[in-house]
PDB file of all heavy atoms in Angstrom:
ATOM      1  N   SER A   1     -68.010  69.044 -81.722  1.00  0.00           N
ATOM      2  CA  SER A   1     -69.067  68.850 -80.720  1.00  0.00           C
ATOM      3  C   SER A   1     -69.918  70.112 -80.569  1.00  0.00           C
ATOM      4  O   SER A   1     -71.134  70.031 -80.370  1.00  0.00           O
ATOM      5  CB  SER A   1     -68.489  68.419 -79.382  1.00  0.00           C
ATOM      6  OG  SER A   1     -67.618  69.402 -78.874  1.00  0.00           O
ATOM      7  N   THR A   2     -69.322  71.270 -80.690  1.00  0.00           N
ATOM      8  CA  THR A   2     -70.070  72.530 -80.607  1.00  0.00           C
ATOM      9  C   THR A   2     -71.002  72.668 -81.802  1.00  0.00           C
ATOM     10  O   THR A   2     -72.172  73.050 -81.649  1.00  0.00           O
ATOM     11  CB  THR A   2     -69.100  73.727 -80.540  1.00  0.00           C
ATOM     12  OG1 THR A   2     -68.273  73.572 -79.384  1.00  0.00           O
ATOM     13  CG2 THR A   2     -69.843  75.043 -80.474  1.00  0.00           C
ATOM     14  N   VAL A   3     -70.502  72.355 -82.979  1.00  0.00           N
ATOM     15  CA  VAL A   3     -71.323  72.441 -84.192  1.00  0.00           C
ATOM     16  C   VAL A   3     -72.484  71.450 -84.105  1.00  0.00           C
ATOM     17  O   VAL A   3     -73.620  71.782 -84.445  1.00  0.00           O
ATOM     18  CB  VAL A   3     -70.468  72.208 -85.454  1.00  0.00           C
ATOM     19  CG1 VAL A   3     -71.339  72.095 -86.693  1.00  0.00           C
ATOM     20  CG2 VAL A   3     -69.448  73.326 -85.617  1.00  0.00           C
ATOM     21  N   LEU A   4     -72.222  70.254 -83.620  1.00  0.00           N
ATOM     22  CA  LEU A   4     -73.292  69.261 -83.476  1.00  0.00           C
ATOM     23  C   LEU A   4     -74.319  69.693 -82.434  1.00  0.00           C
ATOM     24  O   LEU A   4     -75.522  69.484 -82.622  1.00  0.00           O
ATOM     25  CB  LEU A   4     -72.697  67.894 -83.130  1.00  0.00           C
ATOM     26  CG  LEU A   4     -71.879  67.236 -84.246  1.00  0.00           C
ATOM     27  CD1 LEU A   4     -71.213  65.962 -83.748  1.00  0.00           C
ATOM     28  CD2 LEU A   4     -72.744  66.955 -85.473  1.00  0.00           C
ATOM     29  N   ALA A   5     -73.887  70.323 -81.340  1.00  0.00           N
ATOM     30  CA  ALA A   5     -74.825  70.827 -80.329  1.00  0.00           C
ATOM     31  C   ALA A   5     -75.673  71.953 -80.910  1.00  0.00           C
ATOM     32  O   ALA A   5     -76.884  72.034 -80.660  1.00  0.00           O
ATOM     33  CB  ALA A   5     -74.058  71.313 -79.093  1.00  0.00           C
ATOM     34  N   PHE A   6     -75.051  72.833 -81.696  1.00  0.00           N
ATOM     35  CA  PHE A   6     -75.782  73.913 -82.354  1.00  0.00           C
ATOM     36  C   PHE A   6     -76.829  73.336 -83.301  1.00  0.00           C
ATOM     37  O   PHE A   6     -77.985  73.764 -83.310  1.00  0.00           O
ATOM     38  CB  PHE A   6     -74.797  74.817 -83.112  1.00  0.00           C
ATOM     39  CG  PHE A   6     -75.442  75.968 -83.816  1.00  0.00           C
ATOM     40  CD1 PHE A   6     -75.939  77.049 -83.109  1.00  0.00           C
ATOM     41  CD2 PHE A   6     -75.531  75.985 -85.205  1.00  0.00           C
ATOM     42  CE1 PHE A   6     -76.526  78.124 -83.755  1.00  0.00           C
ATOM     43  CE2 PHE A   6     -76.117  77.054 -85.863  1.00  0.00           C
ATOM     44  CZ  PHE A   6     -76.612  78.118 -85.128  1.00  0.00           C
ATOM     45  N   ARG A   7     -76.439  72.332 -84.085  1.00  0.00           N
ATOM     46  CA  ARG A   7     -77.376  71.682 -85.009  1.00  0.00           C
ATOM     47  C   ARG A   7     -78.542  71.068 -84.241  1.00  0.00           C
ATOM     48  O   ARG A   7     -79.697  71.164 -84.648  1.00  0.00           O
ATOM     49  CB  ARG A   7     -76.659  70.621 -85.831  1.00  0.00           C
ATOM     50  CG  ARG A   7     -77.592  69.947 -86.837  1.00  0.00           C
ATOM     51  CD  ARG A   7     -76.941  68.786 -87.536  1.00  0.00           C
ATOM     52  NE  ARG A   7     -75.939  69.235 -88.466  1.00  0.00           N
ATOM     53  CZ  ARG A   7     -75.081  68.409 -89.067  1.00  0.00           C
ATOM     54  NH1 ARG A   7     -75.100  67.118 -88.807  1.00  0.00           N
ATOM     55  NH2 ARG A   7     -74.188  68.878 -89.916  1.00  0.00           N
ATOM     56  N   SER A   8     -78.257  70.443 -83.099  1.00  0.00           N
ATOM     57  CA  SER A   8     -79.310  69.833 -82.283  1.00  0.00           C
ATOM     58  C   SER A   8     -80.305  70.886 -81.795  1.00  0.00           C
ATOM     59  O   SER A   8     -81.520  70.670 -81.818  1.00  0.00           O
ATOM     60  CB  SER A   8     -78.679  69.097 -81.101  1.00  0.00           C
ATOM     61  OG  SER A   8     -79.669  68.551 -80.279  1.00  0.00           O
ATOM     62  N   ALA A   9     -79.789  72.025 -81.341  1.00  0.00           N
ATOM     63  CA  ALA A   9     -80.664  73.112 -80.886  1.00  0.00           C
ATOM     64  C   ALA A   9     -81.522  73.626 -82.038  1.00  0.00           C
ATOM     65  O   ALA A   9     -82.717  73.921 -81.860  1.00  0.00           O
ATOM     66  CB  ALA A   9     -79.839  74.244 -80.288  1.00  0.00           C
ATOM     67  N   LEU A  10     -80.955  73.726 -83.228  1.00  0.00           N
ATOM     68  CA  LEU A  10     -81.719  74.165 -84.398  1.00  0.00           C
ATOM     69  C   LEU A  10     -82.823  73.178 -84.745  1.00  0.00           C
ATOM     70  O   LEU A  10     -83.938  73.580 -85.093  1.00  0.00           O
ATOM     71  CB  LEU A  10     -80.797  74.337 -85.606  1.00  0.00           C
ATOM     72  CG  LEU A  10     -79.963  75.595 -85.658  1.00  0.00           C
ATOM     73  CD1 LEU A  10     -79.051  75.571 -86.879  1.00  0.00           C
ATOM     74  CD2 LEU A  10     -80.820  76.841 -85.671  1.00  0.00           C
ATOM     75  N   LEU A  11     -82.537  71.902 -84.664  1.00  0.00           N
ATOM     76  CA  LEU A  11     -83.547  70.886 -84.957  1.00  0.00           C
ATOM     77  C   LEU A  11     -84.743  71.018 -84.014  1.00  0.00           C
ATOM     78  O   LEU A  11     -85.888  70.904 -84.424  1.00  0.00           O
ATOM     79  CB  LEU A  11     -82.952  69.482 -84.889  1.00  0.00           C
ATOM     80  CG  LEU A  11     -81.977  69.122 -86.004  1.00  0.00           C
ATOM     81  CD1 LEU A  11     -81.343  67.765 -85.737  1.00  0.00           C
ATOM     82  CD2 LEU A  11     -82.669  69.152 -87.353  1.00  0.00           C
ATOM     83  N   GLU A  12     -84.457  71.273 -82.736  1.00  0.00           N
ATOM     84  CA  GLU A  12     -85.540  71.471 -81.762  1.00  0.00           C
ATOM     85  C   GLU A  12     -86.342  72.714 -82.111  1.00  0.00           C
ATOM     86  O   GLU A  12     -87.574  72.713 -82.085  1.00  0.00           O
ATOM     87  CB  GLU A  12     -84.971  71.573 -80.349  1.00  0.00           C
ATOM     88  CG  GLU A  12     -86.014  71.851 -79.285  1.00  0.00           C
ATOM     89  CD  GLU A  12     -87.084  70.773 -79.165  1.00  0.00           C
ATOM     90  OE1 GLU A  12     -86.819  69.606 -79.489  1.00  0.00           O
ATOM     91  OE2 GLU A  12     -88.203  71.121 -78.728  1.00  0.00           O
ATOM     92  N   ALA A  13     -85.655  73.798 -82.444  1.00  0.00           N
ATOM     93  CA  ALA A  13     -86.340  75.039 -82.814  1.00  0.00           C
ATOM     94  C   ALA A  13     -87.162  74.855 -84.094  1.00  0.00           C
ATOM     95  O   ALA A  13     -88.281  75.365 -84.197  1.00  0.00           O
ATOM     96  CB  ALA A  13     -85.326  76.161 -83.001  1.00  0.00           C
ATOM     97  N   GLN A  14     -86.628  74.111 -85.053  1.00  0.00           N
ATOM     98  CA  GLN A  14     -87.351  73.857 -86.294  1.00  0.00           C
ATOM     99  C   GLN A  14     -88.620  73.058 -86.025  1.00  0.00           C
ATOM    100  O   GLN A  14     -89.664  73.310 -86.620  1.00  0.00           O
ATOM    101  CB  GLN A  14     -86.451  73.121 -87.287  1.00  0.00           C
ATOM    102  CG  GLN A  14     -85.364  74.018 -87.837  1.00  0.00           C
ATOM    103  CD  GLN A  14     -84.284  73.246 -88.561  1.00  0.00           C
ATOM    104  OE1 GLN A  14     -83.867  72.170 -88.122  1.00  0.00           O
ATOM    105  NE2 GLN A  14     -83.811  73.801 -89.661  1.00  0.00           N
ATOM    106  N   SER A  15     -88.549  72.126 -85.121  1.00  0.00           N
ATOM    107  CA  SER A  15     -89.720  71.341 -84.749  1.00  0.00           C
ATOM    108  C   SER A  15     -90.798  72.239 -84.141  1.00  0.00           C
ATOM    109  O   SER A  15     -91.969  72.151 -84.480  1.00  0.00           O
ATOM    110  CB  SER A  15     -89.324  70.244 -83.767  1.00  0.00           C
ATOM    111  OG  SER A  15     -90.455  69.572 -83.296  1.00  0.00           O
ATOM    112  N   GLN A  16     -90.389  73.135 -83.260  1.00  0.00           N
ATOM    113  CA  GLN A  16     -91.342  74.044 -82.626  1.00  0.00           C
ATOM    114  C   GLN A  16     -91.912  75.049 -83.629  1.00  0.00           C
ATOM    115  O   GLN A  16     -93.091  75.389 -83.569  1.00  0.00           O
ATOM    116  CB  GLN A  16     -90.686  74.773 -81.461  1.00  0.00           C
ATOM    117  CG  GLN A  16     -90.369  73.855 -80.293  1.00  0.00           C
ATOM    118  CD  GLN A  16     -89.640  74.572 -79.174  1.00  0.00           C
ATOM    119  OE1 GLN A  16     -89.597  75.794 -79.114  1.00  0.00           O
ATOM    120  NE2 GLN A  16     -89.052  73.807 -78.274  1.00  0.00           N
ATOM    121  N   ALA A  17     -91.075  75.534 -84.546  1.00  0.00           N
ATOM    122  CA  ALA A  17     -91.510  76.534 -85.521  1.00  0.00           C
ATOM    123  C   ALA A  17     -92.533  75.985 -86.501  1.00  0.00           C
ATOM    124  O   ALA A  17     -93.282  76.745 -87.107  1.00  0.00           O
ATOM    125  CB  ALA A  17     -90.307  77.088 -86.276  1.00  0.00           C
ATOM    126  N   SER A  18     -92.583  74.688 -86.653  1.00  0.00           N
ATOM    127  CA  SER A  18     -93.532  74.092 -87.591  1.00  0.00           C
ATOM    128  C   SER A  18     -94.918  73.910 -86.983  1.00  0.00           C
ATOM    129  O   SER A  18     -95.837  73.460 -87.653  1.00  0.00           O
ATOM    130  CB  SER A  18     -92.998  72.752 -88.095  1.00  0.00           C
ATOM    131  OG  SER A  18     -92.966  71.814 -87.044  1.00  0.00           O
ATOM    132  N   GLN A  19     -95.086  74.279 -85.726  1.00  0.00           N
ATOM    133  CA  GLN A  19     -96.371  74.136 -85.044  1.00  0.00           C
ATOM    134  C   GLN A  19     -97.110  75.472 -85.076  1.00  0.00           C
ATOM    135  O   GLN A  19     -96.874  76.363 -84.271  1.00  0.00           O
ATOM    136  CB  GLN A  19     -96.146  73.660 -83.616  1.00  0.00           C
ATOM    137  CG  GLN A  19     -95.459  72.301 -83.574  1.00  0.00           C
ATOM    138  CD  GLN A  19     -95.096  71.872 -82.174  1.00  0.00           C
ATOM    139  OE1 GLN A  19     -95.682  72.302 -81.205  1.00  0.00           O
ATOM    140  NE2 GLN A  19     -94.095  71.005 -82.071  1.00  0.00           N
ATOM    141  N   ALA A  20     -98.019  75.619 -86.033  1.00  0.00           N
ATOM    142  CA  ALA A  20     -98.706  76.886 -86.295  1.00  0.00           C
ATOM    143  C   ALA A  20     -99.401  77.449 -85.064  1.00  0.00           C
ATOM    144  O   ALA A  20     -99.365  78.658 -84.823  1.00  0.00           O
ATOM    145  CB  ALA A  20     -99.713  76.710 -87.431  1.00  0.00           C
ATOM    146  N   ALA A  21    -100.035  76.614 -84.273  1.00  0.00           N
ATOM    147  CA  ALA A  21    -100.783  77.109 -83.106  1.00  0.00           C
ATOM    148  C   ALA A  21     -99.865  77.840 -82.126  1.00  0.00           C
ATOM    149  O   ALA A  21    -100.229  78.891 -81.587  1.00  0.00           O
ATOM    150  CB  ALA A  21    -101.495  75.953 -82.400  1.00  0.00           C
ATOM    151  N   GLN A  22     -98.677  77.306 -81.916  1.00  0.00           N
ATOM    152  CA  GLN A  22     -97.734  77.965 -80.996  1.00  0.00           C
ATOM    153  C   GLN A  22     -97.264  79.301 -81.550  1.00  0.00           C
ATOM    154  O   GLN A  22     -97.174  80.285 -80.830  1.00  0.00           O
ATOM    155  CB  GLN A  22     -96.533  77.063 -80.728  1.00  0.00           C
ATOM    156  CG  GLN A  22     -96.836  75.875 -79.865  1.00  0.00           C
ATOM    157  CD  GLN A  22     -95.596  75.023 -79.590  1.00  0.00           C
ATOM    158  OE1 GLN A  22     -94.559  75.201 -80.201  1.00  0.00           O
ATOM    159  NE2 GLN A  22     -95.727  74.091 -78.663  1.00  0.00           N
ATOM    160  N   VAL A  23     -96.974  79.352 -82.829  1.00  0.00           N
ATOM    161  CA  VAL A  23     -96.511  80.587 -83.457  1.00  0.00           C
ATOM    162  C   VAL A  23     -97.627  81.626 -83.417  1.00  0.00           C
ATOM    163  O   VAL A  23     -97.406  82.797 -83.085  1.00  0.00           O
ATOM    164  CB  VAL A  23     -96.035  80.333 -84.902  1.00  0.00           C
ATOM    165  CG1 VAL A  23     -95.682  81.642 -85.604  1.00  0.00           C
ATOM    166  CG2 VAL A  23     -94.841  79.391 -84.904  1.00  0.00           C
ATOM    167  N   GLN A  24     -98.860  81.226 -83.732  1.00  0.00           N
ATOM    168  CA  GLN A  24     -99.984  82.156 -83.709  1.00  0.00           C
ATOM    169  C   GLN A  24    -100.216  82.700 -82.300  1.00  0.00           C
ATOM    170  O   GLN A  24    -100.532  83.877 -82.130  1.00  0.00           O
ATOM    171  CB  GLN A  24    -101.253  81.477 -84.230  1.00  0.00           C
ATOM    172  CG  GLN A  24    -101.204  81.279 -85.729  1.00  0.00           C
ATOM    173  CD  GLN A  24    -102.389  80.495 -86.249  1.00  0.00           C
ATOM    174  OE1 GLN A  24    -102.944  79.649 -85.552  1.00  0.00           O
ATOM    175  NE2 GLN A  24    -102.762  80.749 -87.485  1.00  0.00           N
ATOM    176  N   ALA A  25    -100.063  81.868 -81.284  1.00  0.00           N
ATOM    177  CA  ALA A  25    -100.246  82.316 -79.905  1.00  0.00           C
ATOM    178  C   ALA A  25     -99.231  83.387 -79.536  1.00  0.00           C
ATOM    179  O   ALA A  25     -99.564  84.381 -78.885  1.00  0.00           O
ATOM    180  CB  ALA A  25    -100.147  81.132 -78.946  1.00  0.00           C
ATOM    181  N   VAL A  26     -97.992  83.203 -79.964  1.00  0.00           N
ATOM    182  CA  VAL A  26     -96.958  84.199 -79.672  1.00  0.00           C
ATOM    183  C   VAL A  26     -97.273  85.507 -80.393  1.00  0.00           C
ATOM    184  O   VAL A  26     -97.207  86.585 -79.809  1.00  0.00           O
ATOM    185  CB  VAL A  26     -95.558  83.678 -80.080  1.00  0.00           C
ATOM    186  CG1 VAL A  26     -94.528  84.793 -80.042  1.00  0.00           C
ATOM    187  CG2 VAL A  26     -95.149  82.534 -79.172  1.00  0.00           C
ATOM    188  N   LEU A  27     -97.647  85.424 -81.659  1.00  0.00           N
ATOM    189  CA  LEU A  27     -97.970  86.640 -82.418  1.00  0.00           C
ATOM    190  C   LEU A  27     -99.195  87.342 -81.853  1.00  0.00           C
ATOM    191  O   LEU A  27     -99.233  88.572 -81.772  1.00  0.00           O
ATOM    192  CB  LEU A  27     -98.190  86.314 -83.893  1.00  0.00           C
ATOM    193  CG  LEU A  27     -96.943  85.903 -84.675  1.00  0.00           C
ATOM    194  CD1 LEU A  27     -97.316  85.522 -86.100  1.00  0.00           C
ATOM    195  CD2 LEU A  27     -95.912  87.016 -84.674  1.00  0.00           C
ATOM    196  N   ALA A  28    -100.191  86.582 -81.450  1.00  0.00           N
ATOM    197  CA  ALA A  28    -101.410  87.178 -80.903  1.00  0.00           C
ATOM    198  C   ALA A  28    -101.136  87.898 -79.595  1.00  0.00           C
ATOM    199  O   ALA A  28    -101.792  88.884 -79.270  1.00  0.00           O
ATOM    200  CB  ALA A  28    -102.475  86.102 -80.699  1.00  0.00           C
ATOM    201  N   SER A  29    -100.146  87.445 -78.840  1.00  0.00           N
ATOM    202  CA  SER A  29     -99.845  88.080 -77.561  1.00  0.00           C
ATOM    203  C   SER A  29     -98.948  89.304 -77.724  1.00  0.00           C
ATOM    204  O   SER A  29     -98.734  90.058 -76.784  1.00  0.00           O
ATOM    205  CB  SER A  29     -99.171  87.078 -76.620  1.00  0.00           C
ATOM    206  OG  SER A  29     -97.883  86.741 -77.113  1.00  0.00           O
ATOM    207  N   ASP A  30     -98.449  89.529 -78.914  1.00  0.00           N
ATOM    208  CA  ASP A  30     -97.568  90.660 -79.176  1.00  0.00           C
ATOM    209  C   ASP A  30     -98.415  91.882 -79.508  1.00  0.00           C
ATOM    210  O   ASP A  30     -98.938  92.021 -80.596  1.00  0.00           O
ATOM    211  CB  ASP A  30     -96.616  90.324 -80.330  1.00  0.00           C
ATOM    212  CG  ASP A  30     -95.589  91.409 -80.581  1.00  0.00           C
ATOM    213  OD1 ASP A  30     -95.684  92.495 -79.981  1.00  0.00           O
ATOM    214  OD2 ASP A  30     -94.681  91.174 -81.387  1.00  0.00           O
ATOM    215  N   GLU A  31     -98.550  92.786 -78.558  1.00  0.00           N
ATOM    216  CA  GLU A  31     -99.400  93.962 -78.736  1.00  0.00           C
ATOM    217  C   GLU A  31     -98.956  94.841 -79.895  1.00  0.00           C
ATOM    218  O   GLU A  31     -99.759  95.576 -80.464  1.00  0.00           O
ATOM    219  CB  GLU A  31     -99.434  94.777 -77.450  1.00  0.00           C
ATOM    220  CG  GLU A  31    -100.098  94.051 -76.307  1.00  0.00           C
ATOM    221  CD  GLU A  31    -100.051  94.839 -75.011  1.00  0.00           C
ATOM    222  OE1 GLU A  31     -99.797  96.057 -75.056  1.00  0.00           O
ATOM    223  OE2 GLU A  31    -100.273  94.224 -73.966  1.00  0.00           O
ATOM    224  N   ALA A  32     -97.694  94.798 -80.272  1.00  0.00           N
ATOM    225  CA  ALA A  32     -97.184  95.641 -81.353  1.00  0.00           C
ATOM    226  C   ALA A  32     -97.797  95.282 -82.706  1.00  0.00           C
ATOM    227  O   ALA A  32     -97.776  96.067 -83.626  1.00  0.00           O
ATOM    228  CB  ALA A  32     -95.660  95.532 -81.439  1.00  0.00           C
ATOM    229  N   HIS A  33     -98.367  94.099 -82.820  1.00  0.00           N
ATOM    230  CA  HIS A  33     -98.951  93.680 -84.093  1.00  0.00           C
ATOM    231  C   HIS A  33    -100.433  94.030 -84.200  1.00  0.00           C
ATOM    232  O   HIS A  33    -101.067  93.664 -85.169  1.00  0.00           O
ATOM    233  CB  HIS A  33     -98.741  92.178 -84.305  1.00  0.00           C
ATOM    234  CG  HIS A  33     -97.334  91.848 -84.639  1.00  0.00           C
ATOM    235  ND1 HIS A  33     -96.455  91.345 -83.712  1.00  0.00           N
ATOM    236  CD2 HIS A  33     -96.626  91.982 -85.777  1.00  0.00           C
ATOM    237  CE1 HIS A  33     -95.285  91.170 -84.279  1.00  0.00           C
ATOM    238  NE2 HIS A  33     -95.358  91.555 -85.525  1.00  0.00           N
ATOM    239  N   GLY A  34    -100.991  94.701 -83.228  1.00  0.00           N
ATOM    240  CA  GLY A  34    -102.377  95.164 -83.358  1.00  0.00           C
ATOM    241  C   GLY A  34    -103.390  94.116 -82.984  1.00  0.00           C
ATOM    242  O   GLY A  34    -103.319  93.505 -81.938  1.00  0.00           O
ATOM    243  N   ASN A  35    -104.340  93.889 -83.847  1.00  0.00           N
ATOM    244  CA  ASN A  35    -105.499  93.057 -83.612  1.00  0.00           C
ATOM    245  C   ASN A  35    -105.118  91.585 -83.440  1.00  0.00           C
ATOM    246  O   ASN A  35    -104.745  90.919 -84.396  1.00  0.00           O
ATOM    247  CB  ASN A  35    -106.467  93.209 -84.794  1.00  0.00           C
ATOM    248  CG  ASN A  35    -107.764  92.477 -84.565  1.00  0.00           C
ATOM    249  OD1 ASN A  35    -107.910  91.724 -83.609  1.00  0.00           O
ATOM    250  ND2 ASN A  35    -108.708  92.705 -85.449  1.00  0.00           N
ATOM    251  N   PRO A  36    -105.267  91.052 -82.216  1.00  0.00           N
ATOM    252  CA  PRO A  36    -104.899  89.644 -81.995  1.00  0.00           C
ATOM    253  C   PRO A  36    -105.848  88.651 -82.655  1.00  0.00           C
ATOM    254  O   PRO A  36    -105.533  87.491 -82.771  1.00  0.00           O
ATOM    255  CB  PRO A  36    -104.939  89.510 -80.464  1.00  0.00           C
ATOM    256  CG  PRO A  36    -105.867  90.574 -80.021  1.00  0.00           C
ATOM    257  CD  PRO A  36    -105.734  91.704 -81.011  1.00  0.00           C
ATOM    258  N   ASP A  37    -107.039  89.133 -83.110  1.00  0.00           N
ATOM    259  CA  ASP A  37    -107.977  88.233 -83.771  1.00  0.00           C
ATOM    260  C   ASP A  37    -107.579  87.953 -85.217  1.00  0.00           C
ATOM    261  O   ASP A  37    -108.017  86.992 -85.813  1.00  0.00           O
ATOM    262  CB  ASP A  37    -109.390  88.820 -83.744  1.00  0.00           C
ATOM    263  CG  ASP A  37    -109.909  88.947 -82.324  1.00  0.00           C
ATOM    264  OD1 ASP A  37    -109.551  88.098 -81.493  1.00  0.00           O
ATOM    265  OD2 ASP A  37    -110.655  89.899 -82.049  1.00  0.00           O
TER     266      ASP A  37
END
């Protein structure tokens, strides 16, 4: 049950990671990466 719960959490994260706009927004807000444009 723990392994299946872990897999479920990964599936949700994988779904979110495939959305470029969300990833770009996070990177753009990270001042350590310089130019947000």
